[in-house]
N, C-alpha and C. Protein backbone atom coordinates (compact mmCIF):
# COMPACT_ATOMS: atom_id res chain seq x y z
N MET A 1 -9.63 210.94 88.90
CA MET A 1 -10.93 211.29 89.44
C MET A 1 -11.09 210.62 90.79
N THR A 2 -11.71 211.34 91.70
CA THR A 2 -11.96 210.83 93.04
C THR A 2 -13.32 210.16 93.06
N THR A 3 -13.40 209.00 93.66
CA THR A 3 -14.71 208.37 93.83
C THR A 3 -15.24 208.72 95.21
N ALA A 4 -16.53 208.62 95.37
CA ALA A 4 -17.15 209.00 96.64
C ALA A 4 -16.59 208.18 97.80
N LEU A 5 -16.25 206.91 97.58
CA LEU A 5 -15.76 206.07 98.65
C LEU A 5 -14.34 206.42 99.07
N GLU A 6 -13.49 206.80 98.11
CA GLU A 6 -12.11 207.11 98.47
C GLU A 6 -11.86 208.61 98.57
N GLY A 7 -12.89 209.42 98.37
CA GLY A 7 -12.78 210.87 98.39
C GLY A 7 -12.62 211.41 99.79
N PRO A 8 -12.51 212.74 99.87
CA PRO A 8 -12.33 213.38 101.17
C PRO A 8 -13.54 213.16 102.08
N GLN A 9 -13.28 212.99 103.36
CA GLN A 9 -14.34 212.69 104.32
C GLN A 9 -14.78 213.94 105.10
N THR A 10 -13.97 214.97 105.16
CA THR A 10 -14.35 216.17 105.90
C THR A 10 -15.15 217.10 105.01
N VAL A 11 -15.90 217.99 105.62
CA VAL A 11 -16.69 218.96 104.85
C VAL A 11 -15.77 219.82 103.99
N MET A 12 -14.70 220.33 104.58
CA MET A 12 -13.79 221.20 103.81
C MET A 12 -13.09 220.42 102.70
N GLY A 13 -12.78 219.18 102.96
CA GLY A 13 -12.17 218.35 101.92
C GLY A 13 -13.12 218.15 100.75
N ARG A 14 -14.39 217.95 101.05
CA ARG A 14 -15.39 217.76 100.00
C ARG A 14 -15.63 219.06 99.23
N VAL A 15 -15.68 220.17 99.94
CA VAL A 15 -15.85 221.47 99.26
C VAL A 15 -14.66 221.74 98.35
N THR A 16 -13.47 221.48 98.84
CA THR A 16 -12.27 221.68 98.02
C THR A 16 -12.31 220.78 96.79
N ALA A 17 -12.69 219.53 96.98
CA ALA A 17 -12.80 218.62 95.83
C ALA A 17 -13.83 219.11 94.82
N LEU A 18 -14.88 219.76 95.29
CA LEU A 18 -15.91 220.28 94.39
C LEU A 18 -15.42 221.52 93.64
N LEU A 19 -14.53 222.29 94.24
CA LEU A 19 -14.01 223.50 93.59
C LEU A 19 -12.83 223.22 92.66
N GLU A 20 -12.07 222.17 92.92
CA GLU A 20 -10.87 221.85 92.12
C GLU A 20 -11.13 221.76 90.61
N PRO A 21 -12.22 221.16 90.14
CA PRO A 21 -12.42 221.06 88.69
C PRO A 21 -12.47 222.40 87.96
N PHE A 22 -12.71 223.49 88.68
CA PHE A 22 -12.75 224.80 88.04
C PHE A 22 -11.37 225.28 87.61
N ARG A 23 -10.31 224.59 88.03
CA ARG A 23 -8.96 224.93 87.56
C ARG A 23 -8.87 224.76 86.04
N ASP A 24 -9.61 223.79 85.50
CA ASP A 24 -9.47 223.42 84.10
C ASP A 24 -10.46 224.11 83.17
N THR A 25 -11.51 224.70 83.71
CA THR A 25 -12.54 225.28 82.86
C THR A 25 -13.27 226.40 83.61
N GLU A 26 -13.90 227.26 82.86
CA GLU A 26 -14.57 228.41 83.46
C GLU A 26 -15.87 228.03 84.17
N GLY A 27 -16.71 227.28 83.49
CA GLY A 27 -18.00 226.92 84.06
C GLY A 27 -18.29 225.44 83.91
N LEU A 28 -19.04 224.89 84.85
CA LEU A 28 -19.37 223.47 84.85
C LEU A 28 -20.82 223.27 85.27
N THR A 29 -21.44 222.27 84.68
CA THR A 29 -22.81 221.91 85.08
C THR A 29 -22.74 220.98 86.28
N LEU A 30 -23.89 220.77 86.91
CA LEU A 30 -23.97 219.84 88.04
C LEU A 30 -23.51 218.45 87.63
N SER A 31 -23.95 217.99 86.46
CA SER A 31 -23.55 216.65 85.99
C SER A 31 -22.05 216.56 85.80
N GLU A 32 -21.45 217.60 85.23
CA GLU A 32 -19.99 217.59 85.03
C GLU A 32 -19.25 217.57 86.36
N LEU A 33 -19.71 218.38 87.31
CA LEU A 33 -19.07 218.40 88.63
C LEU A 33 -19.22 217.06 89.35
N ALA A 34 -20.39 216.48 89.27
CA ALA A 34 -20.60 215.17 89.91
C ALA A 34 -19.69 214.12 89.28
N ARG A 35 -19.57 214.14 87.95
CA ARG A 35 -18.72 213.17 87.27
C ARG A 35 -17.24 213.38 87.63
N ARG A 36 -16.79 214.63 87.63
CA ARG A 36 -15.38 214.91 87.90
C ARG A 36 -14.98 214.64 89.34
N THR A 37 -15.90 214.81 90.26
CA THR A 37 -15.58 214.59 91.67
C THR A 37 -15.90 213.18 92.14
N GLY A 38 -16.80 212.51 91.44
CA GLY A 38 -17.25 211.20 91.89
C GLY A 38 -18.33 211.29 92.95
N PHE A 39 -18.81 212.51 93.25
CA PHE A 39 -19.87 212.68 94.24
C PHE A 39 -21.21 212.35 93.59
N PRO A 40 -22.15 211.83 94.37
CA PRO A 40 -23.51 211.68 93.83
C PRO A 40 -24.06 213.07 93.47
N ARG A 41 -24.89 213.11 92.43
CA ARG A 41 -25.46 214.40 92.00
C ARG A 41 -26.16 215.11 93.14
N SER A 42 -26.88 214.38 93.95
CA SER A 42 -27.63 215.01 95.05
C SER A 42 -26.69 215.67 96.05
N SER A 43 -25.57 215.02 96.36
CA SER A 43 -24.60 215.60 97.30
C SER A 43 -23.94 216.83 96.69
N ALA A 44 -23.53 216.72 95.43
CA ALA A 44 -22.91 217.86 94.76
C ALA A 44 -23.90 219.03 94.71
N HIS A 45 -25.14 218.76 94.40
CA HIS A 45 -26.15 219.81 94.33
C HIS A 45 -26.35 220.48 95.68
N ARG A 46 -26.42 219.71 96.74
CA ARG A 46 -26.60 220.24 98.09
C ARG A 46 -25.43 221.16 98.45
N MET A 47 -24.21 220.72 98.17
CA MET A 47 -23.05 221.56 98.48
C MET A 47 -23.04 222.82 97.62
N LEU A 48 -23.37 222.69 96.34
CA LEU A 48 -23.40 223.85 95.45
C LEU A 48 -24.41 224.89 95.91
N LEU A 49 -25.59 224.45 96.37
CA LEU A 49 -26.59 225.39 96.87
C LEU A 49 -26.03 226.22 98.04
N GLN A 50 -25.30 225.55 98.92
CA GLN A 50 -24.70 226.26 100.06
C GLN A 50 -23.59 227.21 99.61
N LEU A 51 -22.78 226.78 98.64
CA LEU A 51 -21.70 227.63 98.13
C LEU A 51 -22.24 228.84 97.38
N VAL A 52 -23.34 228.66 96.66
CA VAL A 52 -23.98 229.79 95.97
C VAL A 52 -24.50 230.79 97.00
N LYS A 53 -25.08 230.29 98.07
CA LYS A 53 -25.66 231.15 99.10
C LYS A 53 -24.62 232.09 99.72
N VAL A 54 -23.37 231.65 99.83
CA VAL A 54 -22.32 232.47 100.45
C VAL A 54 -21.38 233.09 99.40
N ASP A 55 -21.78 233.07 98.12
CA ASP A 55 -21.06 233.70 97.01
C ASP A 55 -19.71 233.07 96.68
N LEU A 56 -19.44 231.85 97.16
CA LEU A 56 -18.21 231.18 96.76
C LEU A 56 -18.36 230.60 95.36
N VAL A 57 -19.59 230.35 94.96
CA VAL A 57 -19.92 229.86 93.62
C VAL A 57 -21.11 230.67 93.14
N ARG A 58 -21.18 230.94 91.84
CA ARG A 58 -22.37 231.58 91.29
C ARG A 58 -22.94 230.68 90.21
N ARG A 59 -24.23 230.85 89.96
CA ARG A 59 -24.92 230.01 89.00
C ARG A 59 -25.58 230.89 87.95
N ASN A 60 -25.44 230.46 86.69
CA ASN A 60 -26.12 231.12 85.58
C ASN A 60 -26.78 230.01 84.77
N GLY A 61 -28.10 229.90 84.89
CA GLY A 61 -28.81 228.80 84.23
C GLY A 61 -28.43 227.49 84.89
N THR A 62 -27.88 226.57 84.09
CA THR A 62 -27.48 225.27 84.63
C THR A 62 -25.97 225.18 84.84
N THR A 63 -25.28 226.29 84.66
CA THR A 63 -23.82 226.29 84.76
C THR A 63 -23.36 227.03 86.02
N TYR A 64 -22.38 226.44 86.69
CA TYR A 64 -21.80 227.01 87.91
C TYR A 64 -20.42 227.59 87.59
N TYR A 65 -20.09 228.70 88.27
CA TYR A 65 -18.81 229.39 88.09
C TYR A 65 -18.25 229.70 89.48
N LEU A 66 -16.95 229.93 89.54
CA LEU A 66 -16.37 230.40 90.80
C LEU A 66 -16.98 231.76 91.11
N GLY A 67 -17.24 232.04 92.38
CA GLY A 67 -17.96 233.24 92.76
C GLY A 67 -17.09 234.40 93.17
N PRO A 68 -17.72 235.56 93.35
CA PRO A 68 -17.00 236.78 93.67
C PRO A 68 -16.30 236.74 95.03
N LYS A 69 -16.81 235.96 95.96
CA LYS A 69 -16.17 235.87 97.28
C LYS A 69 -14.77 235.26 97.16
N LEU A 70 -14.59 234.32 96.23
CA LEU A 70 -13.26 233.72 96.04
C LEU A 70 -12.29 234.74 95.47
N VAL A 71 -12.76 235.61 94.59
CA VAL A 71 -11.91 236.68 94.05
C VAL A 71 -11.48 237.60 95.18
N GLU A 72 -12.44 237.97 96.00
CA GLU A 72 -12.17 238.86 97.13
C GLU A 72 -11.16 238.24 98.09
N LEU A 73 -11.38 236.99 98.47
CA LEU A 73 -10.48 236.32 99.41
C LEU A 73 -9.10 236.08 98.79
N GLY A 74 -9.07 235.74 97.51
CA GLY A 74 -7.78 235.55 96.83
C GLY A 74 -6.97 236.84 96.78
N ALA A 75 -7.65 237.94 96.50
CA ALA A 75 -6.97 239.23 96.47
C ALA A 75 -6.43 239.60 97.85
N LEU A 76 -7.19 239.29 98.89
CA LEU A 76 -6.71 239.54 100.24
C LEU A 76 -5.51 238.68 100.59
N ALA A 77 -5.53 237.43 100.15
CA ALA A 77 -4.39 236.53 100.41
C ALA A 77 -3.12 237.10 99.78
N VAL A 78 -3.24 237.62 98.56
CA VAL A 78 -2.09 238.22 97.88
C VAL A 78 -1.64 239.48 98.62
N ALA A 79 -2.59 240.33 98.98
CA ALA A 79 -2.26 241.59 99.65
C ALA A 79 -1.58 241.36 101.00
N HIS A 80 -1.90 240.27 101.67
CA HIS A 80 -1.34 239.99 102.99
C HIS A 80 -0.07 239.16 102.92
N ASP A 81 0.32 238.70 101.74
CA ASP A 81 1.50 237.84 101.59
C ASP A 81 2.77 238.68 101.63
N ARG A 82 3.62 238.44 102.61
CA ARG A 82 4.85 239.23 102.80
C ARG A 82 5.82 239.06 101.64
N VAL A 83 5.95 237.85 101.12
CA VAL A 83 6.87 237.62 100.01
C VAL A 83 6.41 238.40 98.79
N HIS A 84 5.15 238.36 98.51
CA HIS A 84 4.59 239.08 97.37
C HIS A 84 4.84 240.58 97.52
N ARG A 85 4.52 241.12 98.69
CA ARG A 85 4.72 242.56 98.93
C ARG A 85 6.19 242.94 98.80
N ALA A 86 7.07 242.09 99.31
CA ALA A 86 8.50 242.42 99.30
C ALA A 86 9.09 242.38 97.90
N THR A 87 8.62 241.48 97.06
CA THR A 87 9.22 241.32 95.74
C THR A 87 8.59 242.19 94.66
N LEU A 88 7.39 242.69 94.89
CA LEU A 88 6.68 243.45 93.86
C LEU A 88 7.46 244.65 93.33
N PRO A 89 8.07 245.51 94.18
CA PRO A 89 8.83 246.64 93.63
C PRO A 89 10.00 246.19 92.73
N ALA A 90 10.70 245.13 93.15
CA ALA A 90 11.81 244.63 92.34
C ALA A 90 11.30 244.04 91.02
N MET A 91 10.15 243.42 91.07
CA MET A 91 9.57 242.86 89.85
C MET A 91 9.22 243.96 88.85
N TYR A 92 8.63 245.05 89.35
CA TYR A 92 8.30 246.17 88.47
C TYR A 92 9.58 246.81 87.92
N ASP A 93 10.62 246.92 88.74
CA ASP A 93 11.90 247.45 88.26
C ASP A 93 12.47 246.56 87.18
N LEU A 94 12.44 245.27 87.40
CA LEU A 94 12.96 244.31 86.43
C LEU A 94 12.18 244.38 85.12
N ARG A 95 10.88 244.49 85.23
CA ARG A 95 10.05 244.61 84.03
C ARG A 95 10.37 245.91 83.29
N ARG A 96 10.52 247.01 84.04
CA ARG A 96 10.86 248.30 83.42
C ARG A 96 12.23 248.24 82.74
N ASP A 97 13.19 247.63 83.40
CA ASP A 97 14.55 247.59 82.87
C ASP A 97 14.71 246.64 81.68
N THR A 98 13.93 245.56 81.64
CA THR A 98 14.09 244.58 80.57
C THR A 98 13.00 244.65 79.52
N GLY A 99 11.83 245.16 79.90
CA GLY A 99 10.70 245.17 78.99
C GLY A 99 10.07 243.79 78.82
N LEU A 100 10.50 242.83 79.61
CA LEU A 100 10.00 241.45 79.48
C LEU A 100 9.00 241.13 80.58
N VAL A 101 8.33 240.02 80.43
CA VAL A 101 7.38 239.53 81.44
C VAL A 101 8.17 239.05 82.65
N VAL A 102 7.66 239.36 83.83
CA VAL A 102 8.30 238.91 85.07
C VAL A 102 7.27 238.11 85.86
N HIS A 103 7.68 236.93 86.29
CA HIS A 103 6.81 236.05 87.09
C HIS A 103 7.36 235.95 88.51
N LEU A 104 6.44 235.83 89.45
CA LEU A 104 6.79 235.42 90.81
C LEU A 104 6.10 234.09 91.01
N ALA A 105 6.88 233.05 91.25
CA ALA A 105 6.33 231.72 91.43
C ALA A 105 7.02 231.06 92.61
N VAL A 106 6.29 230.20 93.29
CA VAL A 106 6.87 229.43 94.38
C VAL A 106 6.82 227.96 94.02
N LEU A 107 7.88 227.27 94.38
CA LEU A 107 7.96 225.84 94.14
C LEU A 107 7.35 225.12 95.33
N GLU A 108 6.32 224.33 95.07
CA GLU A 108 5.67 223.53 96.09
C GLU A 108 5.67 222.09 95.61
N SER A 109 6.47 221.28 96.27
CA SER A 109 6.62 219.89 95.88
C SER A 109 7.14 219.84 94.44
N ASP A 110 6.36 219.31 93.52
CA ASP A 110 6.83 219.20 92.13
C ASP A 110 6.07 220.14 91.20
N SER A 111 5.47 221.20 91.77
CA SER A 111 4.75 222.15 90.92
C SER A 111 5.09 223.59 91.29
N LEU A 112 4.87 224.48 90.33
CA LEU A 112 5.05 225.91 90.55
C LEU A 112 3.69 226.56 90.67
N LEU A 113 3.55 227.46 91.63
CA LEU A 113 2.35 228.26 91.77
C LEU A 113 2.71 229.69 91.45
N TYR A 114 2.07 230.26 90.42
CA TYR A 114 2.35 231.63 90.01
C TYR A 114 1.60 232.59 90.93
N LEU A 115 2.36 233.43 91.64
CA LEU A 115 1.76 234.40 92.54
C LEU A 115 1.52 235.74 91.86
N GLU A 116 2.32 236.04 90.83
CA GLU A 116 2.20 237.32 90.14
C GLU A 116 2.76 237.20 88.74
N LYS A 117 2.20 237.97 87.82
CA LYS A 117 2.71 238.07 86.46
C LYS A 117 2.60 239.54 86.06
N ILE A 118 3.74 240.12 85.75
CA ILE A 118 3.77 241.51 85.32
C ILE A 118 4.13 241.53 83.85
N GLY A 119 3.26 242.09 83.04
CA GLY A 119 3.38 242.03 81.58
C GLY A 119 4.55 242.82 81.01
N GLY A 120 4.91 242.43 79.83
CA GLY A 120 5.95 243.06 79.05
C GLY A 120 5.78 242.59 77.63
N ARG A 121 6.84 242.69 76.85
CA ARG A 121 6.78 242.15 75.50
C ARG A 121 6.44 240.67 75.57
N TRP A 122 5.64 240.23 74.66
CA TRP A 122 5.24 238.83 74.54
C TRP A 122 4.36 238.33 75.69
N SER A 123 3.82 239.21 76.50
CA SER A 123 3.02 238.73 77.63
C SER A 123 1.78 237.97 77.18
N THR A 124 1.21 238.34 76.04
CA THR A 124 0.04 237.61 75.56
C THR A 124 0.43 236.26 74.98
N ASN A 125 1.70 236.09 74.61
CA ASN A 125 2.16 234.81 74.09
C ASN A 125 2.50 233.82 75.20
N LEU A 126 2.70 234.32 76.40
CA LEU A 126 2.98 233.45 77.54
C LEU A 126 1.67 233.08 78.19
N HIS A 127 1.30 231.85 78.11
CA HIS A 127 0.01 231.41 78.62
C HIS A 127 0.12 231.01 80.09
N THR A 128 0.42 232.01 80.90
CA THR A 128 0.48 231.82 82.34
C THR A 128 -0.46 232.85 82.96
N ARG A 129 -0.89 232.57 84.17
CA ARG A 129 -1.75 233.51 84.87
C ARG A 129 -1.51 233.39 86.37
N THR A 130 -1.77 234.47 87.06
CA THR A 130 -1.68 234.48 88.51
C THR A 130 -2.63 233.43 89.07
N GLY A 131 -2.15 232.66 90.03
CA GLY A 131 -2.96 231.62 90.64
C GLY A 131 -2.88 230.28 89.94
N GLU A 132 -2.18 230.24 88.82
CA GLU A 132 -2.07 228.98 88.08
C GLU A 132 -1.00 228.09 88.71
N ARG A 133 -1.25 226.80 88.67
CA ARG A 133 -0.28 225.81 89.15
C ARG A 133 0.10 224.94 87.96
N ARG A 134 1.42 224.75 87.77
CA ARG A 134 1.92 223.91 86.68
C ARG A 134 2.98 222.97 87.19
N PRO A 135 3.08 221.79 86.56
CA PRO A 135 4.19 220.90 86.93
C PRO A 135 5.52 221.62 86.69
N ALA A 136 6.37 221.62 87.67
CA ALA A 136 7.63 222.36 87.59
C ALA A 136 8.48 221.93 86.40
N ALA A 137 8.47 220.65 86.09
CA ALA A 137 9.30 220.14 85.00
C ALA A 137 8.90 220.71 83.64
N GLU A 138 7.69 221.26 83.53
CA GLU A 138 7.21 221.81 82.26
C GLU A 138 7.40 223.31 82.13
N THR A 139 8.12 223.94 83.07
CA THR A 139 8.28 225.39 83.05
C THR A 139 9.75 225.78 82.95
N VAL A 140 10.00 226.95 82.39
CA VAL A 140 11.38 227.45 82.34
C VAL A 140 11.78 228.04 83.69
N GLU A 141 10.79 228.36 84.53
CA GLU A 141 11.11 228.93 85.84
C GLU A 141 11.58 227.87 86.83
N ALA A 142 11.35 226.62 86.53
CA ALA A 142 11.70 225.56 87.47
C ALA A 142 13.20 225.55 87.73
N PRO A 143 13.59 225.37 88.97
CA PRO A 143 15.01 225.30 89.28
C PRO A 143 15.65 224.11 88.56
N GLN A 144 16.78 224.37 87.94
CA GLN A 144 17.54 223.34 87.26
C GLN A 144 18.95 223.30 87.86
N PRO A 145 19.52 222.13 88.07
CA PRO A 145 20.89 222.07 88.58
C PRO A 145 21.85 222.76 87.62
N SER A 146 22.72 223.54 88.19
CA SER A 146 23.71 224.26 87.39
C SER A 146 25.09 223.92 87.91
N PRO A 147 25.82 223.01 87.21
CA PRO A 147 27.13 222.59 87.71
C PRO A 147 28.10 223.76 87.86
N SER A 148 28.01 224.76 86.98
CA SER A 148 28.95 225.89 87.04
C SER A 148 28.65 226.78 88.24
N ALA A 149 27.46 226.67 88.82
CA ALA A 149 27.10 227.51 89.96
C ALA A 149 27.28 226.77 91.28
N GLY A 150 28.00 225.66 91.26
CA GLY A 150 28.30 224.93 92.49
C GLY A 150 27.07 224.35 93.16
N GLY A 151 26.14 223.81 92.33
CA GLY A 151 24.98 223.16 92.91
C GLY A 151 23.78 224.07 93.12
N THR A 152 23.91 225.37 92.82
CA THR A 152 22.75 226.24 92.95
C THR A 152 21.87 226.05 91.73
N THR A 153 20.77 226.75 91.68
CA THR A 153 19.85 226.56 90.57
C THR A 153 19.77 227.80 89.71
N ALA A 154 19.46 227.59 88.44
CA ALA A 154 19.29 228.70 87.50
C ALA A 154 18.34 228.27 86.42
N SER A 155 17.73 229.24 85.77
CA SER A 155 16.84 228.94 84.66
C SER A 155 17.67 228.43 83.49
N PRO A 156 17.24 227.36 82.81
CA PRO A 156 18.04 226.77 81.76
C PRO A 156 18.16 227.66 80.52
N THR A 157 17.28 228.67 80.37
CA THR A 157 17.31 229.49 79.17
C THR A 157 17.86 230.89 79.42
N ALA A 158 18.20 231.22 80.65
CA ALA A 158 18.62 232.57 80.97
C ALA A 158 20.13 232.71 80.98
N ASP A 159 20.58 233.91 80.70
CA ASP A 159 22.00 234.24 80.77
C ASP A 159 22.41 234.23 82.25
N PRO A 160 23.48 233.50 82.62
CA PRO A 160 23.85 233.37 84.03
C PRO A 160 24.09 234.72 84.72
N THR A 161 24.67 235.69 84.00
CA THR A 161 24.92 236.99 84.60
C THR A 161 23.62 237.70 84.93
N SER A 162 22.66 237.67 84.00
CA SER A 162 21.40 238.35 84.27
C SER A 162 20.62 237.65 85.37
N VAL A 163 20.71 236.33 85.43
CA VAL A 163 20.04 235.60 86.51
C VAL A 163 20.63 236.00 87.85
N ALA A 164 21.96 236.09 87.92
CA ALA A 164 22.61 236.48 89.17
C ALA A 164 22.21 237.90 89.58
N LEU A 165 22.16 238.82 88.61
CA LEU A 165 21.76 240.19 88.92
C LEU A 165 20.30 240.25 89.36
N GLN A 166 19.44 239.51 88.68
CA GLN A 166 18.03 239.49 89.04
C GLN A 166 17.84 238.91 90.44
N ARG A 167 18.53 237.81 90.69
CA ARG A 167 18.41 237.15 91.98
C ARG A 167 18.92 238.07 93.10
N ARG A 168 20.07 238.75 92.84
CA ARG A 168 20.63 239.65 93.84
C ARG A 168 19.68 240.82 94.10
N SER A 169 19.11 241.38 93.02
CA SER A 169 18.17 242.48 93.16
C SER A 169 16.95 242.07 93.98
N MET A 170 16.39 240.89 93.69
CA MET A 170 15.22 240.41 94.42
C MET A 170 15.59 240.15 95.88
N GLN A 171 16.77 239.56 96.12
CA GLN A 171 17.18 239.26 97.48
C GLN A 171 17.41 240.55 98.28
N ASP A 172 18.05 241.54 97.65
CA ASP A 172 18.30 242.81 98.34
C ASP A 172 16.98 243.49 98.70
N THR A 173 16.05 243.48 97.77
CA THR A 173 14.74 244.08 98.04
C THR A 173 14.03 243.35 99.16
N ALA A 174 14.04 242.03 99.11
CA ALA A 174 13.38 241.25 100.15
C ALA A 174 14.03 241.50 101.52
N ARG A 175 15.36 241.53 101.55
CA ARG A 175 16.06 241.77 102.82
C ARG A 175 15.70 243.14 103.38
N SER A 176 15.67 244.16 102.52
CA SER A 176 15.38 245.51 103.00
C SER A 176 13.97 245.61 103.56
N ARG A 177 13.05 244.80 103.06
CA ARG A 177 11.67 244.86 103.53
C ARG A 177 11.44 243.95 104.74
N PHE A 178 12.12 242.81 104.81
CA PHE A 178 11.89 241.87 105.89
C PHE A 178 12.77 242.14 107.12
N CYS A 179 13.91 242.72 106.90
CA CYS A 179 14.90 242.86 108.00
C CYS A 179 14.91 244.26 108.56
N ARG A 180 13.75 244.79 108.82
CA ARG A 180 13.67 246.14 109.41
C ARG A 180 13.58 246.05 110.90
């Protein structure tokens, strides 16, 4: 938990700190947000009023939720992402060919950020969602050293041949879209 004294000093840093607790739950009260951020209730309330006004947060009774503007901006971020656009056709092909769930995730530091999830068999059993961030060490998608691959990475549970084919398919698709 961040305390007000050691917390972010910029306006955007404080707004981000106020929005971060929504990663863990759907809705939060003012008291919960103040406690989780370490901000005084009055400061949290002032920021929330401004965020509600611009639709970044919505309020129902005493509970605050992420607002429709964040959905809109998030969808635009995905639509404008070149990697996402380039890999989507290959992901749908892979899902069609295997019938399994296909994820697009990027490794950032020690965590994975899921950019896309295309359903297949067992998709409801996989508790992942687009926009979710997880510690890389806790996922099967995390790169693992593979001595047989000469230092490259592979999923620890996947068949090496299928991983190579999937990787080649994704790379070929990305090259054809980026190298025009």
